[in-house]
Amino acid sequence: MIVLRYLAGLFNRAQVRLFQFSDKSTIWRYGSLLVKNNHRAVIIRTGLVNESFYGVTYDISFPCPDCVEQKSSEPWQFSSTLVRRAIELNSPSIQCHRLFHIASVTDLQAVIPPDSKSNYDLHLEQSVRDLKAYKQNIAVDVVFLYPPDNVPSDSEKLTKIDPRQIKDDLAKHGLKVWSPDSMCEFKIENHFLIIKEARFILFGISSELVLNESNKNLYDAYQTIQNFLRKPIIPILFGMDKRWQETPLGIAMTDVLYIKMQEKKRYELKMQEIIERLQHDKTKNEFERLRDQPTDVFISYCWTNSYDAVSKGTKSTSTSLGWGDPRTLKDFLEQRDLSVWMDITRLGKSGVLHDIVQGLKKTKVVIACVSDEYTDSDTCKNEFLFAKNTLRLPVILAVFGLGDKW
């Protein structure tokens, strides 16, 4: 019995077709002995086949970017052969033959599968640009999620507040608001990035959210946003049913400030409350973003050495005020394009110690405004020792005040 194992190549196909003429005792993977009418022939696989067969020819086509942007139903297709020819001729652009757009050859080259290092670089630049554009397109101010059960029927519109009206009114205030097309089919894994990038989350709370099995995906989304993404949620309460308060969600929200959207006649007042909450959180977020930014310089100083602080009520000593003010030093450095961490602009609500530690961890150099008062302050000494001994940051000493005991 002869077992043939062959590859799907031209030579092996010929072997199979000519098998009836083969000397069955003399056949191998790379050759056969053929016998017919007392004539014998040996066919052997050599490099001739590979030299004569260059494989399947193909070309790559891709649509005109401007046609795609204009959502043309029949965009013009550029071929990679044409693009490569344009590259060889140093042509900066190619014209679309359908709507006569002018396409950049460099942009088109970035779409062709790369075959060199330079093409890989172009692909990388194109991918980064696309990711930035995608992130910008998905960036929204508010994500608004609510149980579909809380959308009033036609007979209830006079007495119940429609969540969709809230979305429309927020948009009228210049906010970009996103809600899924279908709350019933919503799954957070399909919209994870847009929720993660949103500045604010409004979430409709009601007994239907917790008790209706059809809203399980929404309820799970609430838990994910709060516990995994750790994004602050502004709860909007719908409906008069209070059973949700007896559930784990209600217990977890005992100390949470929510907005009651339950009475139609108080709608305008409650909308104003939502806007104020968003504006307050916006200011808070911007402050936190500023506080968490890396800096070039961290200024460690004692308030009693600052003329500005003393003028606002800080008690001075006989040696605390010299010719300079650490807060003036901050202004001097910022005028020279250096970012500066100073407590008057960077301390938030996370706690003084926490903010100081984070500020030191994210700076490049520390200026210690030493003085007699500085060395008498436990806070100042801890800042200095943490920067010098723990973080091993470079420390520049700047002498303030009139004392010399430090």
Protein backbone atom coordinates (compact mmCIF):
# COMPACT_ATOMS: atom_id res chain seq x y z
CA MET A 1 0.00 0.00 0.00
CA ILE A 2 1.31 3.39 -0.95
CA VAL A 3 0.47 6.38 1.27
CA LEU A 4 0.96 9.73 -0.46
CA ARG A 5 1.53 12.81 1.64
CA TYR A 6 1.77 15.88 -0.52
CA LEU A 7 1.61 19.64 -0.21
CA ALA A 8 -0.79 21.78 -2.17
CA GLY A 9 1.82 22.82 -4.74
CA LEU A 10 2.05 22.54 -8.52
CA PHE A 11 4.52 19.63 -8.47
CA ASN A 12 2.52 17.56 -6.00
CA ARG A 13 -0.65 18.13 -8.02
CA ALA A 14 1.16 16.83 -11.08
CA GLN A 15 2.20 13.74 -9.14
CA VAL A 16 -1.41 13.02 -8.22
CA ARG A 17 -2.68 13.50 -11.78
CA LEU A 18 0.05 11.27 -13.23
CA PHE A 19 -0.26 8.60 -10.55
CA GLN A 20 -1.87 6.16 -13.00
CA PHE A 21 1.31 6.21 -15.05
CA SER A 22 3.70 5.91 -12.13
CA ASP A 23 5.82 2.94 -11.25
CA LYS A 24 4.12 2.33 -7.95
CA SER A 25 7.25 0.99 -6.36
CA THR A 26 9.20 4.14 -7.20
CA ILE A 27 7.51 7.29 -6.06
CA TRP A 28 8.61 9.72 -3.42
CA ARG A 29 7.81 13.15 -2.16
CA TYR A 30 10.07 15.03 -4.54
CA GLY A 31 9.91 12.71 -7.58
CA SER A 32 8.18 9.88 -9.51
CA LEU A 33 9.13 7.24 -12.06
CA LEU A 34 6.54 7.26 -14.89
CA VAL A 35 5.95 4.21 -17.14
CA LYS A 36 3.85 4.08 -20.36
CA ASN A 37 4.23 1.94 -23.52
CA ASN A 38 7.61 0.69 -22.33
CA HIS A 39 8.77 4.28 -21.99
CA ARG A 40 10.10 5.51 -18.69
CA ALA A 41 10.45 9.04 -17.37
CA VAL A 42 11.64 10.44 -14.13
CA ILE A 43 10.10 13.70 -12.89
CA ILE A 44 11.98 15.42 -10.10
CA ARG A 45 11.09 18.55 -8.23
CA THR A 46 13.80 21.21 -8.72
CA GLY A 47 14.02 24.96 -8.29
CA LEU A 48 12.58 25.41 -11.77
CA VAL A 49 9.00 25.35 -10.49
CA ASN A 50 9.74 27.97 -7.85
CA GLU A 51 11.55 30.09 -10.40
CA SER A 52 8.67 29.91 -12.86
CA PHE A 53 5.79 30.36 -10.38
CA TYR A 54 5.69 33.66 -8.58
CA GLY A 55 2.52 33.03 -6.60
CA VAL A 56 -0.86 34.70 -6.79
CA THR A 57 -0.83 38.36 -7.75
CA TYR A 58 -3.06 40.68 -5.77
CA ASP A 59 -3.62 44.32 -4.97
CA ILE A 60 -5.03 46.10 -1.93
CA SER A 61 -7.75 48.71 -2.26
CA PHE A 62 -9.07 51.05 0.38
CA PRO A 63 -11.66 53.84 0.31
CA CYS A 64 -11.02 57.54 -0.12
CA PRO A 65 -10.90 59.07 3.41
CA ASP A 66 -12.95 62.12 2.38
CA CYS A 67 -15.62 59.94 0.77
CA VAL A 68 -15.86 57.96 3.99
CA GLU A 69 -16.07 61.14 6.08
CA GLN A 70 -18.91 62.39 3.87
CA LYS A 71 -20.59 58.97 4.27
CA SER A 72 -20.67 58.34 0.53
CA SER A 73 -22.46 55.08 -0.32
CA GLU A 74 -19.90 54.36 -3.07
CA PRO A 75 -16.52 55.74 -1.98
CA TRP A 76 -13.69 55.74 -4.50
CA GLN A 77 -11.19 52.90 -3.98
CA PHE A 78 -7.47 53.73 -4.11
CA SER A 79 -5.18 50.82 -5.02
CA SER A 80 -1.92 50.25 -3.16
CA THR A 81 -0.15 49.98 -6.53
CA LEU A 82 -1.24 53.51 -7.39
CA VAL A 83 -0.17 54.83 -3.99
CA ARG A 84 3.27 53.18 -4.23
CA ARG A 85 3.69 54.63 -7.72
CA ALA A 86 2.87 58.09 -6.33
CA ILE A 87 5.47 57.57 -3.58
CA GLU A 88 8.11 56.65 -6.19
CA LEU A 89 7.30 59.85 -8.12
CA ASN A 90 7.30 61.96 -4.91
CA SER A 91 3.75 63.06 -5.61
CA PRO A 92 2.23 64.77 -2.53
CA SER A 93 -1.38 63.85 -3.33
CA ILE A 94 -3.73 61.73 -5.43
CA GLN A 95 -7.16 62.69 -6.71
CA CYS A 96 -10.27 60.66 -6.00
CA HIS A 97 -11.98 59.79 -9.30
CA ARG A 98 -15.50 59.74 -7.95
CA LEU A 99 -15.96 63.00 -6.04
CA PHE A 100 -12.56 64.50 -6.98
CA HIS A 101 -11.22 64.78 -3.45
CA ILE A 102 -7.51 65.43 -3.00
CA ALA A 103 -6.01 62.76 -0.71
CA SER A 104 -2.59 63.03 0.95
CA VAL A 105 -0.20 60.32 -0.22
CA THR A 106 1.37 60.22 3.25
CA ASP A 107 -2.03 59.51 4.84
CA LEU A 108 -2.79 56.83 2.25
CA GLN A 109 0.63 55.25 2.75
CA ALA A 110 -0.19 54.89 6.44
CA VAL A 111 -3.15 52.67 5.49
CA ILE A 112 -1.16 50.23 3.34
CA PRO A 113 0.20 47.19 5.25
CA PRO A 114 3.76 48.18 6.20
CA ASP A 115 6.73 46.60 4.41
CA SER A 116 9.51 48.75 5.83
CA LYS A 117 10.52 50.51 9.05
CA SER A 118 9.47 53.90 7.71
CA ASN A 119 6.03 52.52 6.92
CA TYR A 120 5.79 51.11 10.43
CA ASP A 121 6.51 54.61 11.78
CA LEU A 122 3.76 56.05 9.60
CA HIS A 123 1.33 53.40 10.82
CA LEU A 124 2.21 54.18 14.42
CA GLU A 125 1.64 57.92 13.91
CA GLN A 126 -1.67 57.21 12.16
CA SER A 127 -2.80 54.90 14.98
CA VAL A 128 -1.91 57.44 17.67
CA ARG A 129 -3.76 60.17 15.77
CA ASP A 130 -6.81 57.94 15.34
CA LEU A 131 -6.82 57.05 19.04
CA LYS A 132 -6.66 60.72 20.03
CA ALA A 133 -9.49 61.56 17.64
CA TYR A 134 -11.52 58.62 18.93
CA LYS A 135 -11.00 59.69 22.54
CA GLN A 136 -12.03 63.24 21.67
CA ASN A 137 -15.17 62.01 19.92
CA ILE A 138 -16.27 59.88 22.87
CA ALA A 139 -15.56 62.56 25.48
CA VAL A 140 -18.82 63.71 27.05
CA ASP A 141 -19.70 65.90 30.01
CA VAL A 142 -22.46 63.73 31.44
CA VAL A 143 -23.46 60.07 31.20
CA PHE A 144 -27.12 59.71 32.22
CA LEU A 145 -28.45 56.22 33.00
CA TYR A 146 -31.93 55.42 34.31
CA PRO A 147 -34.38 52.49 34.41
CA PRO A 148 -36.65 52.45 31.36
CA ASP A 149 -39.54 51.76 33.76
CA ASN A 150 -39.30 55.39 34.89
CA VAL A 151 -40.19 56.80 31.48
CA PRO A 152 -43.83 57.88 31.93
CA SER A 153 -46.58 56.64 29.64
CA ASP A 154 -48.75 59.11 27.74
CA SER A 155 -51.30 59.11 30.54
CA GLU A 156 -48.60 59.79 33.17
CA LYS A 157 -46.77 62.67 31.49
CA LEU A 158 -48.76 65.31 33.37
CA THR A 159 -47.80 63.94 36.78
CA LYS A 160 -44.43 62.21 36.32
CA ILE A 161 -41.05 63.60 35.25
CA ASP A 162 -39.59 62.17 32.06
CA PRO A 163 -35.84 61.37 32.32
CA ARG A 164 -35.49 62.17 28.64
CA GLN A 165 -36.58 65.75 29.35
CA ILE A 166 -33.75 66.05 31.88
CA LYS A 167 -31.28 64.99 29.21
CA ASP A 168 -32.67 67.54 26.73
CA ASP A 169 -32.58 70.37 29.29
CA LEU A 170 -28.99 69.56 30.27
CA ALA A 171 -28.05 69.80 26.59
CA LYS A 172 -29.69 73.23 26.46
CA HIS A 173 -27.26 74.34 29.17
CA GLY A 174 -24.36 73.51 26.84
CA LEU A 175 -23.55 70.08 28.29
CA LYS A 176 -22.76 67.10 26.08
CA VAL A 177 -24.96 64.32 27.48
CA TRP A 178 -24.81 60.65 26.52
CA SER A 179 -27.38 57.92 27.17
CA PRO A 180 -27.55 54.53 25.45
CA ASP A 181 -30.02 54.12 22.61
CA SER A 182 -31.79 51.38 24.56
CA MET A 183 -31.69 51.18 28.34
CA CYS A 184 -33.19 47.69 28.15
CA GLU A 185 -30.25 46.37 26.11
CA PHE A 186 -27.57 48.38 27.91
CA LYS A 187 -24.40 46.54 28.98
CA ILE A 188 -21.58 48.49 30.57
CA GLU A 189 -18.89 46.40 28.85
CA ASN A 190 -20.08 47.77 25.49
CA HIS A 191 -19.74 51.39 26.63
CA PHE A 192 -16.97 51.13 29.20
CA LEU A 193 -14.67 53.73 27.68
CA ILE A 194 -17.26 56.49 27.24
CA ILE A 195 -18.38 56.04 30.86
CA LYS A 196 -14.79 56.02 32.09
CA GLU A 197 -13.98 59.25 30.24
CA ALA A 198 -17.18 61.09 31.25
CA ARG A 199 -16.82 63.96 33.70
CA PHE A 200 -20.09 63.31 35.54
CA ILE A 201 -22.42 60.34 36.04
CA LEU A 202 -26.14 60.89 36.64
CA PHE A 203 -27.94 57.71 37.65
CA GLY A 204 -31.67 57.25 38.03
CA ILE A 205 -32.57 55.50 41.30
CA SER A 206 -35.91 53.79 41.92
CA SER A 207 -37.41 50.57 43.22
CA GLU A 208 -37.66 49.38 39.61
CA LEU A 209 -33.88 49.62 39.26
CA VAL A 210 -33.32 47.21 42.14
CA LEU A 211 -36.37 44.93 42.06
CA ASN A 212 -36.99 44.38 38.33
CA GLU A 213 -34.86 41.57 36.90
CA SER A 214 -34.91 43.27 33.50
CA ASN A 215 -32.80 46.10 34.99
CA LYS A 216 -30.04 43.83 36.29
CA ASN A 217 -27.53 45.14 33.73
CA LEU A 218 -28.21 48.71 34.86
CA TYR A 219 -27.92 47.78 38.53
CA ASP A 220 -24.64 45.96 37.86
CA ALA A 221 -23.43 49.03 35.97
CA TYR A 222 -24.11 51.19 39.03
CA GLN A 223 -21.97 48.87 41.17
CA THR A 224 -19.19 48.82 38.58
CA ILE A 225 -19.08 52.60 38.21
CA GLN A 226 -19.03 53.13 41.96
CA ASN A 227 -16.76 50.31 43.11
CA PHE A 228 -14.49 49.61 40.13
CA LEU A 229 -14.25 52.90 38.22
CA ARG A 230 -14.69 54.80 41.49
CA LYS A 231 -16.39 57.68 39.72
CA PRO A 232 -18.66 59.94 41.76
CA ILE A 233 -22.33 59.42 40.96
CA ILE A 234 -25.08 62.01 41.32
CA PRO A 235 -28.22 59.94 42.14
CA ILE A 236 -31.55 61.12 40.69
CA LEU A 237 -34.54 59.68 42.56
CA PHE A 238 -37.61 58.73 40.48
CA GLY A 239 -40.99 57.42 41.62
CA MET A 240 -42.69 57.45 44.98
CA ASP A 241 -42.04 53.77 45.80
CA LYS A 242 -39.64 53.58 48.75
CA ARG A 243 -38.91 49.84 48.72
CA TRP A 244 -35.44 50.47 47.25
CA GLN A 245 -34.42 52.04 50.58
CA GLU A 246 -34.70 48.61 52.23
CA THR A 247 -32.30 46.99 49.74
CA PRO A 248 -28.47 46.89 49.90
CA LEU A 249 -28.45 49.88 47.52
CA GLY A 250 -30.60 51.90 49.89
CA ILE A 251 -28.41 51.02 52.86
CA ALA A 252 -25.27 51.99 50.92
CA MET A 253 -26.83 55.35 50.02
CA THR A 254 -27.76 56.29 53.59
CA ASP A 255 -25.26 59.17 53.66
CA VAL A 256 -25.46 60.04 49.95
CA LEU A 257 -27.03 63.31 48.84
CA TYR A 258 -29.49 62.59 46.02
CA ILE A 259 -31.85 64.79 44.01
CA LYS A 260 -35.56 63.99 44.14
CA MET A 261 -37.20 64.13 40.72
CA GLN A 262 -40.60 63.02 42.00
CA GLU A 263 -42.89 66.03 41.71
CA LYS A 264 -43.65 67.59 38.34
CA LYS A 265 -44.37 71.01 39.85
CA ARG A 266 -40.87 71.18 41.35
CA TYR A 267 -39.09 70.17 38.16
CA GLU A 268 -37.49 73.57 37.42
CA LEU A 269 -36.18 73.85 40.98
CA LYS A 270 -34.67 70.37 40.86
CA MET A 271 -33.12 71.00 37.44
CA GLN A 272 -31.40 74.04 38.89
CA GLU A 273 -30.15 71.83 41.71
CA ILE A 274 -28.65 69.39 39.19
CA ILE A 275 -26.91 72.23 37.31
CA GLU A 276 -25.47 73.60 40.55
CA ARG A 277 -24.21 70.16 41.57
CA LEU A 278 -22.53 69.73 38.19
CA GLN A 279 -20.92 73.18 38.39
CA HIS A 280 -19.73 72.53 41.93
CA ASP A 281 -18.25 69.15 40.98
CA LYS A 282 -16.67 70.70 37.87
CA THR A 283 -14.85 73.27 40.01
CA LYS A 284 -13.83 70.52 42.42
CA ASN A 285 -12.55 68.29 39.60
CA GLU A 286 -10.52 71.10 38.05
CA PHE A 287 -8.98 71.89 41.44
CA GLU A 288 -8.11 68.24 42.00
CA ARG A 289 -6.62 68.00 38.51
CA LEU A 290 -4.43 71.04 39.25
CA ARG A 291 -3.47 69.64 42.64
CA ASP A 292 -2.39 66.28 41.18
CA GLN A 293 -0.29 67.69 38.33
CA PRO A 294 3.51 67.13 38.51
CA THR A 295 5.50 70.28 39.28
CA ASP A 296 9.02 71.56 38.75
CA VAL A 297 9.40 73.09 42.22
CA PHE A 298 7.92 72.48 45.67
CA ILE A 299 8.20 75.47 48.03
CA SER A 300 8.32 74.51 51.70
CA TYR A 301 7.92 77.54 53.96
CA CYS A 302 6.45 78.87 57.19
CA TRP A 303 3.50 81.24 56.96
CA THR A 304 4.96 83.61 59.55
CA ASN A 305 7.75 84.40 57.05
CA SER A 306 5.24 85.64 54.45
CA TYR A 307 4.18 89.29 54.31
CA ASP A 308 1.10 88.19 52.36
CA ALA A 309 0.07 85.67 55.05
CA VAL A 310 0.67 88.15 57.88
CA SER A 311 -1.42 90.79 56.10
CA LYS A 312 -4.28 88.28 56.05
CA GLY A 313 -4.12 87.46 59.75
CA THR A 314 -1.18 85.15 60.40
CA LYS A 315 0.65 86.16 63.57
CA SER A 316 4.27 87.27 63.04
CA THR A 317 7.28 87.33 65.37
CA SER A 318 10.06 89.83 65.85
CA THR A 319 12.32 87.93 63.46
CA SER A 320 9.88 86.36 61.02
CA LEU A 321 9.66 89.10 58.37
CA GLY A 322 12.78 89.89 56.38
CA TRP A 323 13.25 91.48 52.99
CA GLY A 324 11.64 88.65 51.01
CA ASP A 325 8.37 86.71 50.87
CA PRO A 326 8.19 82.98 49.88
CA ARG A 327 4.91 83.65 48.08
CA THR A 328 6.63 86.29 45.96
CA LEU A 329 9.24 83.64 45.11
CA LYS A 330 6.41 81.48 43.75
CA ASP A 331 5.27 84.27 41.42
CA PHE A 332 8.87 84.89 40.32
CA LEU A 333 9.36 81.23 39.33
CA GLU A 334 5.99 80.92 37.56
CA GLN A 335 6.79 83.99 35.45
CA ARG A 336 9.74 81.96 34.16
CA ASP A 337 7.49 79.06 33.09
CA LEU A 338 8.22 76.83 36.08
CA SER A 339 5.28 75.01 37.67
CA VAL A 340 5.28 75.48 41.43
CA TRP A 341 3.61 73.57 44.27
CA MET A 342 2.58 75.87 47.11
CA ASP A 343 -0.03 75.18 49.75
CA ILE A 344 -2.18 78.23 48.95
CA THR A 345 -3.02 76.85 45.48
CA ARG A 346 -2.61 73.09 45.85
CA LEU A 347 -4.20 72.03 49.13
CA GLY A 348 -7.60 70.41 48.66
CA LYS A 349 -10.00 68.36 50.73
CA SER A 350 -7.98 65.15 50.90
CA GLY A 351 -6.20 66.32 54.04
CA VAL A 352 -3.20 68.59 54.49
CA LEU A 353 -0.71 65.78 55.09
CA HIS A 354 -1.97 63.72 52.13
CA ASP A 355 -1.75 66.66 49.72
CA ILE A 356 1.73 67.64 50.91
CA VAL A 357 3.02 64.08 50.50
CA GLN A 358 1.54 63.80 47.00
CA GLY A 359 3.00 67.20 46.09
CA LEU A 360 6.48 66.14 47.20
CA LYS A 361 6.23 62.84 45.33
CA LYS A 362 5.38 64.63 42.08
CA THR A 363 7.97 67.41 42.12
CA LYS A 364 11.54 67.63 40.81
CA VAL A 365 13.21 69.91 43.35
CA VAL A 366 12.37 71.40 46.75
CA ILE A 367 13.09 74.96 47.86
CA ALA A 368 13.18 75.04 51.67
CA CYS A 369 12.59 78.58 52.92
CA VAL A 370 14.51 78.16 56.16
CA SER A 371 14.20 80.49 59.13
CA ASP A 372 14.01 80.29 62.90
CA GLU A 373 10.26 79.89 62.58
CA TYR A 374 10.70 77.16 59.95
CA THR A 375 12.85 75.01 62.24
CA ASP A 376 10.37 75.51 65.10
CA SER A 377 7.49 74.17 62.95
CA ASP A 378 6.94 70.39 63.08
CA THR A 379 5.12 70.48 59.73
CA CYS A 380 7.99 72.28 58.02
CA LYS A 381 10.61 69.98 59.53
CA ASN A 382 8.63 66.89 58.44
CA GLU A 383 8.38 68.24 54.89
CA PHE A 384 12.14 68.82 54.80
CA LEU A 385 13.07 65.41 56.21
CA PHE A 386 10.60 63.55 53.98
CA ALA A 387 11.93 65.28 50.86
CA LYS A 388 15.61 64.90 51.77
CA ASN A 389 15.84 61.55 53.54
CA THR A 390 12.90 59.53 52.21
CA LEU A 391 12.43 60.79 48.63
CA ARG A 392 16.07 61.94 48.28
CA LEU A 393 15.01 65.00 46.33
CA PRO A 394 17.47 67.83 45.64
CA VAL A 395 16.84 70.59 48.20
CA ILE A 396 17.77 74.26 47.75
CA LEU A 397 17.99 76.34 50.92
CA ALA A 398 16.61 79.89 50.75
CA VAL A 399 17.00 81.93 53.94
CA PHE A 400 14.06 84.10 55.06
CA GLY A 401 13.37 86.18 58.12
CA LEU A 402 15.87 87.93 60.37
CA GLY A 403 16.84 85.12 62.77
CA ASP A 404 20.04 83.09 62.70
CA LYS A 405 19.27 80.24 65.17
CA TRP A 406 18.09 77.84 62.49
